[in-house]
Amino acid sequence: QVQLVESGGGLVQAGGSLRLSCAASGRSFSSRAMAWFRQAPGKEREFVAAITWNGGNVYNADSVKGRFTISRDNAKNTVYLQMNSLKPEDTAVYYCAARSRFASDNYYSLPQKYNYWGQGTQVTVSS
């Protein structure tokens, strides 16, 4: 069982930055691929970024390339999302998600491939 707790959301002006954190419980964190998704009101959950269990590969949605960076610290059981040059359209609830242990990179953008989810943290970008 894995529990995920996100933090770091808030209100920021367009062009600003935020850093989200996701703290994971359990000793299997370092063997799990992790991802961030987001969901805006009235819209489906959307893939943002993913990172493999060893941090060797990262994947980003086209909408955030060059602005967002996913990283992980396995010693701290934490995955991060650094968000720069924020836009009003980035406003959403951001969710951290974990895959099963040693899962492949395949289908990293599909929410149904992730077994565990956090409760979400709100990010609001004002224009």
Foldseek 3Di string as FASTA:
>chain_A
DKAKAKDWADEEAAQAKIKMKIAMDDLQLLQKKKFKWWDDPPDDIWGAKIAHSPRPDIDGDPVQPPFWDWDDDSVRRMIMIIGGRDDQVVWTWMKMFIAPGNDDCPPVGDPVRTDYIYPTDTHGYHD
